[in-house]
Structures are given as structure tokens and as C-alpha cells.
Amino acid sequence: MRVQINSDDSVKIPEELASQVIATVEGALSRFSDQITRIEVHLADTNANKGGSTDKRCALEARLAGLRPIAVTHRAGTFEHAISGAAGKLQRALDSTLGRLRLH
């Protein structure tokens, strides 16, 4: 499973944040690693330099072998919370999607 990190122009991704993104995503989705070919992470600060309680956005898109991509988004006050929230949502979405496929 490869993790690709993208951001908009208002977000600088330091090495520390990139490492945290990879660790969080791989930790949350490790049991699906044989079915996921790539995870795309999109980070954005919707208010740019202005403040806001939920202005950080993390969108995750899982590319599955032989299936359509699954995408989720989570907004929070910090990138750390946005990333962990999106990882949890993606984990539940993959559980649901792959569980339905196993039943058929």
C-alpha cells in the first residue's frame, strides 16, 4: 500500500506531519493493505491564514484492486484530528464495502 500526500497552496507539509500522516493511515488500514494499491491524502486549510474551529480538511481516497475508489472527508481544528477522523471514516467504509463483497 502506497500513501501519496497532496495539499493545496496554503498548506506546507513538514516532514514531521508527513510521517504522522503515513503512520496514522497505515495503522488504521493495515488489515486492508493486501487489497489497497494506493491511498491518496489531500490536506487543505479552507480558511487559509484566517482562524476557524473546523478549517482543516483531510480527504482520503483508497484505490482498491479491481474496485472503484472509496473516498471520505473529515474537517477538524487541527490536521492531526482531521487525519485521524478521516482514517476512522475510511476504515468503516472499507469494512462496509469489503464486508458486502464477502457476502456475495
PDB file of N, CA and C in Angstrom:
ATOM      1  N   MET A   1       0.853  -1.169   0.000  1.00  0.00           N
ATOM      2  CA  MET A   1       0.000   0.000   0.000  1.00  0.00           C
ATOM      3  C   MET A   1       0.898   1.230   0.000  1.00  0.00           C
ATOM      4  N   ARG A   2       0.675   2.082  -0.980  1.00  0.00           N
ATOM      5  CA  ARG A   2       1.454   3.310  -1.105  1.00  0.00           C
ATOM      6  C   ARG A   2       0.606   4.490  -0.644  1.00  0.00           C
ATOM      7  N   VAL A   3       1.193   5.405   0.108  1.00  0.00           N
ATOM      8  CA  VAL A   3       0.487   6.590   0.591  1.00  0.00           C
ATOM      9  C   VAL A   3       1.056   7.805  -0.129  1.00  0.00           C
ATOM     10  N   GLN A   4       0.184   8.527  -0.831  1.00  0.00           N
ATOM     11  CA  GLN A   4       0.575   9.724  -1.577  1.00  0.00           C
ATOM     12  C   GLN A   4      -0.086  10.927  -0.916  1.00  0.00           C
ATOM     13  N   ILE A   5       0.708  11.933  -0.543  1.00  0.00           N
ATOM     14  CA  ILE A   5       0.202  13.104   0.166  1.00  0.00           C
ATOM     15  C   ILE A   5       0.198  14.311  -0.760  1.00  0.00           C
ATOM     16  N   ASN A   6      -0.967  14.982  -0.834  1.00  0.00           N
ATOM     17  CA  ASN A   6      -1.134  16.199  -1.634  1.00  0.00           C
ATOM     18  C   ASN A   6      -1.692  17.293  -0.733  1.00  0.00           C
ATOM     19  N   SER A   7      -1.464  18.549  -1.112  1.00  0.00           N
ATOM     20  CA  SER A   7      -2.033  19.657  -0.342  1.00  0.00           C
ATOM     21  C   SER A   7      -2.307  20.835  -1.267  1.00  0.00           C
ATOM     22  N   ASP A   8      -3.137  21.749  -0.763  1.00  0.00           N
ATOM     23  CA  ASP A   8      -3.375  22.965  -1.537  1.00  0.00           C
ATOM     24  C   ASP A   8      -2.242  23.956  -1.280  1.00  0.00           C
ATOM     25  N   ASP A   9      -2.287  25.103  -1.929  1.00  0.00           N
ATOM     26  CA  ASP A   9      -1.200  26.081  -1.846  1.00  0.00           C
ATOM     27  C   ASP A   9      -1.011  26.685  -0.462  1.00  0.00           C
ATOM     28  N   SER A  10      -2.052  26.687   0.365  1.00  0.00           N
ATOM     29  CA  SER A  10      -1.954  27.319   1.684  1.00  0.00           C
ATOM     30  C   SER A  10      -1.368  26.390   2.742  1.00  0.00           C
ATOM     31  N   VAL A  11      -1.096  25.139   2.395  1.00  0.00           N
ATOM     32  CA  VAL A  11      -0.606  24.171   3.377  1.00  0.00           C
ATOM     33  C   VAL A  11       0.815  23.737   3.026  1.00  0.00           C
ATOM     34  N   LYS A  12       1.713  23.925   3.961  1.00  0.00           N
ATOM     35  CA  LYS A  12       3.074  23.402   3.848  1.00  0.00           C
ATOM     36  C   LYS A  12       3.129  22.130   4.687  1.00  0.00           C
ATOM     37  N   ILE A  13       3.629  21.070   4.121  1.00  0.00           N
ATOM     38  CA  ILE A  13       3.666  19.792   4.834  1.00  0.00           C
ATOM     39  C   ILE A  13       5.096  19.513   5.280  1.00  0.00           C
ATOM     40  N   PRO A  14       5.385  19.764   6.563  1.00  0.00           N
ATOM     41  CA  PRO A  14       6.718  19.428   7.059  1.00  0.00           C
ATOM     42  C   PRO A  14       6.887  17.911   7.154  1.00  0.00           C
ATOM     43  N   GLU A  15       8.121  17.468   7.199  1.00  0.00           N
ATOM     44  CA  GLU A  15       8.429  16.037   7.254  1.00  0.00           C
ATOM     45  C   GLU A  15       7.749  15.357   8.443  1.00  0.00           C
ATOM     46  N   GLU A  16       7.669  16.067   9.551  1.00  0.00           N
ATOM     47  CA  GLU A  16       7.027  15.515  10.758  1.00  0.00           C
ATOM     48  C   GLU A  16       5.542  15.208  10.512  1.00  0.00           C
ATOM     49  N   LEU A  17       4.838  16.123   9.852  1.00  0.00           N
ATOM     50  CA  LEU A  17       3.428  15.907   9.539  1.00  0.00           C
ATOM     51  C   LEU A  17       3.266  14.787   8.521  1.00  0.00           C
ATOM     52  N   ALA A  18       4.128  14.744   7.524  1.00  0.00           N
ATOM     53  CA  ALA A  18       4.059  13.681   6.515  1.00  0.00           C
ATOM     54  C   ALA A  18       4.253  12.312   7.160  1.00  0.00           C
ATOM     55  N   SER A  19       5.203  12.206   8.084  1.00  0.00           N
ATOM     56  CA  SER A  19       5.432  10.940   8.782  1.00  0.00           C
ATOM     57  C   SER A  19       4.224  10.555   9.615  1.00  0.00           C
ATOM     58  N   GLN A  20       3.600  11.544  10.261  1.00  0.00           N
ATOM     59  CA  GLN A  20       2.424  11.281  11.074  1.00  0.00           C
ATOM     60  C   GLN A  20       1.249  10.825  10.198  1.00  0.00           C
ATOM     61  N   VAL A  21       1.086  11.442   9.042  1.00  0.00           N
ATOM     62  CA  VAL A  21       0.025  11.053   8.120  1.00  0.00           C
ATOM     63  C   VAL A  21       0.193   9.598   7.714  1.00  0.00           C
ATOM     64  N   ILE A  22       1.393   9.237   7.307  1.00  0.00           N
ATOM     65  CA  ILE A  22       1.663   7.874   6.854  1.00  0.00           C
ATOM     66  C   ILE A  22       1.435   6.881   7.984  1.00  0.00           C
ATOM     67  N   ALA A  23       1.924   7.184   9.179  1.00  0.00           N
ATOM     68  CA  ALA A  23       1.759   6.273  10.316  1.00  0.00           C
ATOM     69  C   ALA A  23       0.284   6.104  10.683  1.00  0.00           C
ATOM     70  N   THR A  24      -0.470   7.186  10.696  1.00  0.00           N
ATOM     71  CA  THR A  24      -1.888   7.118  11.046  1.00  0.00           C
ATOM     72  C   THR A  24      -2.671   6.313  10.015  1.00  0.00           C
ATOM     73  N   VAL A  25      -2.447   6.602   8.747  1.00  0.00           N
ATOM     74  CA  VAL A  25      -3.173   5.914   7.680  1.00  0.00           C
ATOM     75  C   VAL A  25      -2.801   4.437   7.629  1.00  0.00           C
ATOM     76  N   GLU A  26      -1.517   4.130   7.679  1.00  0.00           N
ATOM     77  CA  GLU A  26      -1.102   2.725   7.631  1.00  0.00           C
ATOM     78  C   GLU A  26      -1.582   1.963   8.867  1.00  0.00           C
ATOM     79  N   GLY A  27      -1.573   2.609  10.028  1.00  0.00           N
ATOM     80  CA  GLY A  27      -2.039   1.959  11.242  1.00  0.00           C
ATOM     81  C   GLY A  27      -3.522   1.633  11.194  1.00  0.00           C
ATOM     82  N   ALA A  28      -4.319   2.582  10.710  1.00  0.00           N
ATOM     83  CA  ALA A  28      -5.767   2.390  10.663  1.00  0.00           C
ATOM     84  C   ALA A  28      -6.189   1.394   9.583  1.00  0.00           C
ATOM     85  N   LEU A  29      -5.420   1.306   8.505  1.00  0.00           N
ATOM     86  CA  LEU A  29      -5.839   0.498   7.359  1.00  0.00           C
ATOM     87  C   LEU A  29      -4.960  -0.712   7.100  1.00  0.00           C
ATOM     88  N   SER A  30      -4.134  -1.092   8.064  1.00  0.00           N
ATOM     89  CA  SER A  30      -3.171  -2.172   7.842  1.00  0.00           C
ATOM     90  C   SER A  30      -3.828  -3.502   7.484  1.00  0.00           C
ATOM     91  N   ARG A  31      -4.999  -3.777   8.035  1.00  0.00           N
ATOM     92  CA  ARG A  31      -5.637  -5.063   7.736  1.00  0.00           C
ATOM     93  C   ARG A  31      -6.189  -5.130   6.317  1.00  0.00           C
ATOM     94  N   PHE A  32      -6.277  -3.992   5.645  1.00  0.00           N
ATOM     95  CA  PHE A  32      -6.735  -3.954   4.258  1.00  0.00           C
ATOM     96  C   PHE A  32      -5.575  -3.805   3.274  1.00  0.00           C
ATOM     97  N   SER A  33      -4.348  -3.834   3.765  1.00  0.00           N
ATOM     98  CA  SER A  33      -3.194  -3.492   2.933  1.00  0.00           C
ATOM     99  C   SER A  33      -3.031  -4.394   1.709  1.00  0.00           C
ATOM    100  N   ASP A  34      -3.484  -5.638   1.781  1.00  0.00           N
ATOM    101  CA  ASP A  34      -3.352  -6.517   0.619  1.00  0.00           C
ATOM    102  C   ASP A  34      -4.376  -6.200  -0.472  1.00  0.00           C
ATOM    103  N   GLN A  35      -5.424  -5.436  -0.135  1.00  0.00           N
ATOM    104  CA  GLN A  35      -6.450  -5.085  -1.118  1.00  0.00           C
ATOM    105  C   GLN A  35      -6.322  -3.649  -1.616  1.00  0.00           C
ATOM    106  N   ILE A  36      -5.577  -2.818  -0.893  1.00  0.00           N
ATOM    107  CA  ILE A  36      -5.410  -1.412  -1.271  1.00  0.00           C
ATOM    108  C   ILE A  36      -4.114  -1.257  -2.054  1.00  0.00           C
ATOM    109  N   THR A  37      -4.217  -0.637  -3.228  1.00  0.00           N
ATOM    110  CA  THR A  37      -2.999  -0.384  -4.003  1.00  0.00           C
ATOM    111  C   THR A  37      -2.388   0.965  -3.653  1.00  0.00           C
ATOM    112  N   ARG A  38      -3.275   1.957  -3.364  1.00  0.00           N
ATOM    113  CA  ARG A  38      -2.765   3.293  -3.070  1.00  0.00           C
ATOM    114  C   ARG A  38      -3.785   4.061  -2.233  1.00  0.00           C
ATOM    115  N   ILE A  39      -3.273   4.897  -1.341  1.00  0.00           N
ATOM    116  CA  ILE A  39      -4.092   5.825  -0.574  1.00  0.00           C
ATOM    117  C   ILE A  39      -3.640   7.234  -0.949  1.00  0.00           C
ATOM    118  N   GLU A  40      -4.587   8.051  -1.384  1.00  0.00           N
ATOM    119  CA  GLU A  40      -4.276   9.451  -1.670  1.00  0.00           C
ATOM    120  C   GLU A  40      -4.802  10.294  -0.517  1.00  0.00           C
ATOM    121  N   VAL A  41      -3.937  11.137   0.027  1.00  0.00           N
ATOM    122  CA  VAL A  41      -4.276  12.028   1.125  1.00  0.00           C
ATOM    123  C   VAL A  41      -4.264  13.452   0.578  1.00  0.00           C
ATOM    124  N   HIS A  42      -5.358  14.174   0.781  1.00  0.00           N
ATOM    125  CA  HIS A  42      -5.457  15.558   0.341  1.00  0.00           C
ATOM    126  C   HIS A  42      -5.691  16.424   1.570  1.00  0.00           C
ATOM    127  N   LEU A  43      -4.744  17.300   1.885  1.00  0.00           N
ATOM    128  CA  LEU A  43      -4.866  18.193   3.033  1.00  0.00           C
ATOM    129  C   LEU A  43      -5.135  19.603   2.549  1.00  0.00           C
ATOM    130  N   ALA A  44      -6.064  20.287   3.231  1.00  0.00           N
ATOM    131  CA  ALA A  44      -6.400  21.654   2.856  1.00  0.00           C
ATOM    132  C   ALA A  44      -6.745  22.460   4.100  1.00  0.00           C
ATOM    133  N   ASP A  45      -6.432  23.730   4.043  1.00  0.00           N
ATOM    134  CA  ASP A  45      -6.829  24.677   5.079  1.00  0.00           C
ATOM    135  C   ASP A  45      -7.866  25.573   4.424  1.00  0.00           C
ATOM    136  N   THR A  46      -9.137  25.340   4.718  1.00  0.00           N
ATOM    137  CA  THR A  46     -10.219  26.008   3.991  1.00  0.00           C
ATOM    138  C   THR A  46     -10.271  27.506   4.221  1.00  0.00           C
ATOM    139  N   ASN A  47      -9.758  27.977   5.357  1.00  0.00           N
ATOM    140  CA  ASN A  47      -9.751  29.415   5.633  1.00  0.00           C
ATOM    141  C   ASN A  47      -8.376  30.034   5.432  1.00  0.00           C
ATOM    142  N   ALA A  48      -7.457  29.289   4.915  1.00  0.00           N
ATOM    143  CA  ALA A  48      -6.070  29.724   4.721  1.00  0.00           C
ATOM    144  C   ALA A  48      -5.495  30.256   6.031  1.00  0.00           C
ATOM    145  N   ASN A  49      -5.084  31.500   6.081  1.00  0.00           N
ATOM    146  CA  ASN A  49      -4.448  32.049   7.284  1.00  0.00           C
ATOM    147  C   ASN A  49      -5.431  32.564   8.328  1.00  0.00           C
ATOM    148  N   LYS A  50      -6.709  32.594   8.008  1.00  0.00           N
ATOM    149  CA  LYS A  50      -7.711  33.004   8.988  1.00  0.00           C
ATOM    150  C   LYS A  50      -7.944  31.846   9.954  1.00  0.00           C
ATOM    151  N   GLY A  51      -8.473  32.124  11.105  1.00  0.00           N
ATOM    152  CA  GLY A  51      -8.763  31.072  12.075  1.00  0.00           C
ATOM    153  C   GLY A  51     -10.084  30.392  11.789  1.00  0.00           C
ATOM    154  N   GLY A  52     -10.373  29.384  12.572  1.00  0.00           N
ATOM    155  CA  GLY A  52     -11.635  28.681  12.431  1.00  0.00           C
ATOM    156  C   GLY A  52     -11.607  27.402  13.230  1.00  0.00           C
ATOM    157  N   SER A  53     -12.754  26.984  13.730  1.00  0.00           N
ATOM    158  CA  SER A  53     -12.783  25.795  14.575  1.00  0.00           C
ATOM    159  C   SER A  53     -12.677  24.502  13.775  1.00  0.00           C
ATOM    160  N   THR A  54     -13.128  24.496  12.542  1.00  0.00           N
ATOM    161  CA  THR A  54     -13.029  23.291  11.712  1.00  0.00           C
ATOM    162  C   THR A  54     -12.544  23.659  10.313  1.00  0.00           C
ATOM    163  N   ASP A  55     -11.434  24.361  10.253  1.00  0.00           N
ATOM    164  CA  ASP A  55     -10.948  24.825   8.955  1.00  0.00           C
ATOM    165  C   ASP A  55      -9.916  23.906   8.310  1.00  0.00           C
ATOM    166  N   LYS A  56      -9.490  22.855   8.990  1.00  0.00           N
ATOM    167  CA  LYS A  56      -8.541  21.898   8.414  1.00  0.00           C
ATOM    168  C   LYS A  56      -9.332  20.718   7.851  1.00  0.00           C
ATOM    169  N   ARG A  57      -9.013  20.345   6.616  1.00  0.00           N
ATOM    170  CA  ARG A  57      -9.748  19.266   5.954  1.00  0.00           C
ATOM    171  C   ARG A  57      -8.782  18.195   5.473  1.00  0.00           C
ATOM    172  N   CYS A  58      -9.148  16.954   5.714  1.00  0.00           N
ATOM    173  CA  CYS A  58      -8.385  15.821   5.208  1.00  0.00           C
ATOM    174  C   CYS A  58      -9.330  14.947   4.401  1.00  0.00           C
ATOM    175  N   ALA A  59      -8.989  14.725   3.151  1.00  0.00           N
ATOM    176  CA  ALA A  59      -9.746  13.820   2.296  1.00  0.00           C
ATOM    177  C   ALA A  59      -8.853  12.622   1.993  1.00  0.00           C
ATOM    178  N   LEU A  60      -9.384  11.431   2.188  1.00  0.00           N
ATOM    179  CA  LEU A  60      -8.645  10.203   1.891  1.00  0.00           C
ATOM    180  C   LEU A  60      -9.372   9.452   0.788  1.00  0.00           C
ATOM    181  N   GLU A  61      -8.602   8.935  -0.155  1.00  0.00           N
ATOM    182  CA  GLU A  61      -9.161   8.137  -1.230  1.00  0.00           C
ATOM    183  C   GLU A  61      -8.381   6.842  -1.315  1.00  0.00           C
ATOM    184  N   ALA A  62      -9.080   5.736  -1.121  1.00  0.00           N
ATOM    185  CA  ALA A  62      -8.448   4.421  -1.197  1.00  0.00           C
ATOM    186  C   ALA A  62      -8.676   3.835  -2.582  1.00  0.00           C
ATOM    187  N   ARG A  63      -7.599   3.445  -3.221  1.00  0.00           N
ATOM    188  CA  ARG A  63      -7.673   2.771  -4.520  1.00  0.00           C
ATOM    189  C   ARG A  63      -7.566   1.279  -4.253  1.00  0.00           C
ATOM    190  N   LEU A  64      -8.645   0.557  -4.576  1.00  0.00           N
ATOM    191  CA  LEU A  64      -8.696  -0.876  -4.342  1.00  0.00           C
ATOM    192  C   LEU A  64      -8.503  -1.625  -5.642  1.00  0.00           C
ATOM    193  N   ALA A  65      -7.813  -2.742  -5.567  1.00  0.00           N
ATOM    194  CA  ALA A  65      -7.577  -3.554  -6.754  1.00  0.00           C
ATOM    195  C   ALA A  65      -8.910  -4.083  -7.283  1.00  0.00           C
ATOM    196  N   GLY A  66      -9.251  -3.732  -8.502  1.00  0.00           N
ATOM    197  CA  GLY A  66     -10.451  -4.243  -9.148  1.00  0.00           C
ATOM    198  C   GLY A  66     -11.750  -3.576  -8.733  1.00  0.00           C
ATOM    199  N   LEU A  67     -11.711  -2.553  -7.904  1.00  0.00           N
ATOM    200  CA  LEU A  67     -12.920  -1.864  -7.447  1.00  0.00           C
ATOM    201  C   LEU A  67     -12.787  -0.364  -7.668  1.00  0.00           C
ATOM    202  N   ARG A  68     -13.924   0.340  -7.557  1.00  0.00           N
ATOM    203  CA  ARG A  68     -13.888   1.796  -7.658  1.00  0.00           C
ATOM    204  C   ARG A  68     -13.278   2.375  -6.385  1.00  0.00           C
ATOM    205  N   PRO A  69     -12.664   3.544  -6.486  1.00  0.00           N
ATOM    206  CA  PRO A  69     -12.072   4.184  -5.302  1.00  0.00           C
ATOM    207  C   PRO A  69     -13.134   4.519  -4.261  1.00  0.00           C
ATOM    208  N   ILE A  70     -12.724   4.512  -2.995  1.00  0.00           N
ATOM    209  CA  ILE A  70     -13.592   4.902  -1.889  1.00  0.00           C
ATOM    210  C   ILE A  70     -12.980   6.156  -1.280  1.00  0.00           C
ATOM    211  N   ALA A  71     -13.797   7.207  -1.139  1.00  0.00           N
ATOM    212  CA  ALA A  71     -13.290   8.483  -0.640  1.00  0.00           C
ATOM    213  C   ALA A  71     -14.100   8.949   0.565  1.00  0.00           C
ATOM    214  N   VAL A  72     -13.401   9.564   1.523  1.00  0.00           N
ATOM    215  CA  VAL A  72     -14.029  10.154   2.708  1.00  0.00           C
ATOM    216  C   VAL A  72     -13.360  11.496   2.998  1.00  0.00           C
ATOM    217  N   THR A  73     -14.060  12.345   3.752  1.00  0.00           N
ATOM    218  CA  THR A  73     -13.527  13.643   4.145  1.00  0.00           C
ATOM    219  C   THR A  73     -13.858  13.892   5.602  1.00  0.00           C
ATOM    220  N   HIS A  74     -12.926  14.539   6.303  1.00  0.00           N
ATOM    221  CA  HIS A  74     -13.179  14.928   7.692  1.00  0.00           C
ATOM    222  C   HIS A  74     -12.594  16.310   7.922  1.00  0.00           C
ATOM    223  N   ARG A  75     -13.359  17.149   8.622  1.00  0.00           N
ATOM    224  CA  ARG A  75     -12.918  18.504   8.976  1.00  0.00           C
ATOM    225  C   ARG A  75     -12.711  18.576  10.479  1.00  0.00           C
ATOM    226  N   ALA A  76     -11.683  19.314  10.895  1.00  0.00           N
ATOM    227  CA  ALA A  76     -11.378  19.477  12.319  1.00  0.00           C
ATOM    228  C   ALA A  76     -10.572  20.754  12.516  1.00  0.00           C
ATOM    229  N   GLY A  77     -10.249  21.042  13.762  1.00  0.00           N
ATOM    230  CA  GLY A  77      -9.484  22.238  14.092  1.00  0.00           C
ATOM    231  C   GLY A  77      -7.996  22.095  13.842  1.00  0.00           C
ATOM    232  N   THR A  78      -7.490  20.853  13.822  1.00  0.00           N
ATOM    233  CA  THR A  78      -6.069  20.601  13.548  1.00  0.00           C
ATOM    234  C   THR A  78      -5.957  19.520  12.482  1.00  0.00           C
ATOM    235  N   PHE A  79      -4.816  19.505  11.814  1.00  0.00           N
ATOM    236  CA  PHE A  79      -4.608  18.451  10.814  1.00  0.00           C
ATOM    237  C   PHE A  79      -4.550  17.075  11.466  1.00  0.00           C
ATOM    238  N   GLU A  80      -3.995  16.983  12.670  1.00  0.00           N
ATOM    239  CA  GLU A  80      -3.904  15.695  13.352  1.00  0.00           C
ATOM    240  C   GLU A  80      -5.295  15.110  13.569  1.00  0.00           C
ATOM    241  N   HIS A  81      -6.237  15.927  14.030  1.00  0.00           N
ATOM    242  CA  HIS A  81      -7.602  15.449  14.250  1.00  0.00           C
ATOM    243  C   HIS A  81      -8.315  15.156  12.931  1.00  0.00           C
ATOM    244  N   ALA A  82      -8.068  15.973  11.931  1.00  0.00           N
ATOM    245  CA  ALA A  82      -8.689  15.753  10.628  1.00  0.00           C
ATOM    246  C   ALA A  82      -8.198  14.446  10.009  1.00  0.00           C
ATOM    247  N   ILE A  83      -6.912  14.167  10.147  1.00  0.00           N
ATOM    248  CA  ILE A  83      -6.338  12.949   9.576  1.00  0.00           C
ATOM    249  C   ILE A  83      -6.865  11.713  10.295  1.00  0.00           C
ATOM    250  N   SER A  84      -6.866  11.739  11.627  1.00  0.00           N
ATOM    251  CA  SER A  84      -7.338  10.562  12.370  1.00  0.00           C
ATOM    252  C   SER A  84      -8.839  10.354  12.156  1.00  0.00           C
ATOM    253  N   GLY A  85      -9.615  11.441  12.058  1.00  0.00           N
ATOM    254  CA  GLY A  85     -11.044  11.313  11.791  1.00  0.00           C
ATOM    255  C   GLY A  85     -11.316  10.716  10.420  1.00  0.00           C
ATOM    256  N   ALA A  86     -10.578  11.171   9.423  1.00  0.00           N
ATOM    257  CA  ALA A  86     -10.750  10.640   8.071  1.00  0.00           C
ATOM    258  C   ALA A  86     -10.307   9.178   7.995  1.00  0.00           C
ATOM    259  N   ALA A  87      -9.235   8.838   8.699  1.00  0.00           N
ATOM    260  CA  ALA A  87      -8.765   7.444   8.706  1.00  0.00           C
ATOM    261  C   ALA A  87      -9.817   6.531   9.323  1.00  0.00           C
ATOM    262  N   GLY A  88     -10.456   6.979  10.394  1.00  0.00           N
ATOM    263  CA  GLY A  88     -11.525   6.192  11.008  1.00  0.00           C
ATOM    264  C   GLY A  88     -12.712   6.017  10.076  1.00  0.00           C
ATOM    265  N   LYS A  89     -13.090   7.090   9.385  1.00  0.00           N
ATOM    266  CA  LYS A  89     -14.196   7.007   8.428  1.00  0.00           C
ATOM    267  C   LYS A  89     -13.870   6.053   7.284  1.00  0.00           C
ATOM    268  N   LEU A  90     -12.635   6.124   6.796  1.00  0.00           N
ATOM    269  CA  LEU A  90     -12.244   5.252   5.693  1.00  0.00           C
ATOM    270  C   LEU A  90     -12.205   3.797   6.141  1.00  0.00           C
ATOM    271  N   GLN A  91     -11.757   3.555   7.354  1.00  0.00           N
ATOM    272  CA  GLN A  91     -11.737   2.201   7.894  1.00  0.00           C
ATOM    273  C   GLN A  91     -13.162   1.627   7.926  1.00  0.00           C
ATOM    274  N   ARG A  92     -14.132   2.408   8.411  1.00  0.00           N
ATOM    275  CA  ARG A  92     -15.520   1.947   8.459  1.00  0.00           C
ATOM    276  C   ARG A  92     -16.084   1.746   7.051  1.00  0.00           C
ATOM    277  N   ALA A  93     -15.741   2.630   6.123  1.00  0.00           N
ATOM    278  CA  ALA A  93     -16.223   2.494   4.746  1.00  0.00           C
ATOM    279  C   ALA A  93     -15.664   1.240   4.082  1.00  0.00           C
ATOM    280  N   LEU A  94     -14.391   0.949   4.328  1.00  0.00           N
ATOM    281  CA  LEU A  94     -13.790  -0.260   3.767  1.00  0.00           C
ATOM    282  C   LEU A  94     -14.387  -1.505   4.401  1.00  0.00           C
ATOM    283  N   ASP A  95     -14.614  -1.475   5.722  1.00  0.00           N
ATOM    284  CA  ASP A  95     -15.281  -2.597   6.392  1.00  0.00           C
ATOM    285  C   ASP A  95     -16.620  -2.883   5.739  1.00  0.00           C
ATOM    286  N   SER A  96     -17.389  -1.839   5.517  1.00  0.00           N
ATOM    287  CA  SER A  96     -18.718  -1.981   4.943  1.00  0.00           C
ATOM    288  C   SER A  96     -18.660  -2.507   3.504  1.00  0.00           C
ATOM    289  N   THR A  97     -17.842  -1.875   2.683  1.00  0.00           N
ATOM    290  CA  THR A  97     -17.743  -2.257   1.270  1.00  0.00           C
ATOM    291  C   THR A  97     -17.205  -3.660   1.095  1.00  0.00           C
ATOM    292  N   LEU A  98     -16.106  -3.973   1.742  1.00  0.00           N
ATOM    293  CA  LEU A  98     -15.496  -5.292   1.576  1.00  0.00           C
ATOM    294  C   LEU A  98     -16.319  -6.368   2.267  1.00  0.00           C
ATOM    295  N   GLY A  99     -17.016  -6.019   3.342  1.00  0.00           N
ATOM    296  CA  GLY A  99     -17.895  -6.986   4.006  1.00  0.00           C
ATOM    297  C   GLY A  99     -19.052  -7.391   3.101  1.00  0.00           C
ATOM    298  N   ARG A 100     -19.625  -6.412   2.387  1.00  0.00           N
ATOM    299  CA  ARG A 100     -20.704  -6.722   1.448  1.00  0.00           C
ATOM    300  C   ARG A 100     -20.211  -7.627   0.318  1.00  0.00           C
ATOM    301  N   LEU A 101     -18.993  -7.397  -0.141  1.00  0.00           N
ATOM    302  CA  LEU A 101     -18.456  -8.221  -1.223  1.00  0.00           C
ATOM    303  C   LEU A 101     -18.232  -9.659  -0.774  1.00  0.00           C
ATOM    304  N   ARG A 102     -17.833  -9.843   0.485  1.00  0.00           N
ATOM    305  CA  ARG A 102     -17.618 -11.202   1.008  1.00  0.00           C
ATOM    306  C   ARG A 102     -18.935 -11.980   1.114  1.00  0.00           C
ATOM    307  N   LEU A 103     -20.039 -11.257   1.353  1.00  0.00           N
ATOM    308  CA  LEU A 103     -21.342 -11.918   1.467  1.00  0.00           C
ATOM    309  C   LEU A 103     -21.846 -12.426   0.132  1.00  0.00           C
ATOM    310  N   HIS A 104     -21.389 -11.822  -0.956  1.00  0.00           N
ATOM    311  CA  HIS A 104     -21.883 -12.220  -2.279  1.00  0.00           C
ATOM    312  C   HIS A 104     -20.972 -13.169  -2.913  1.00  0.00           C
TER     313      HIS A 104
END
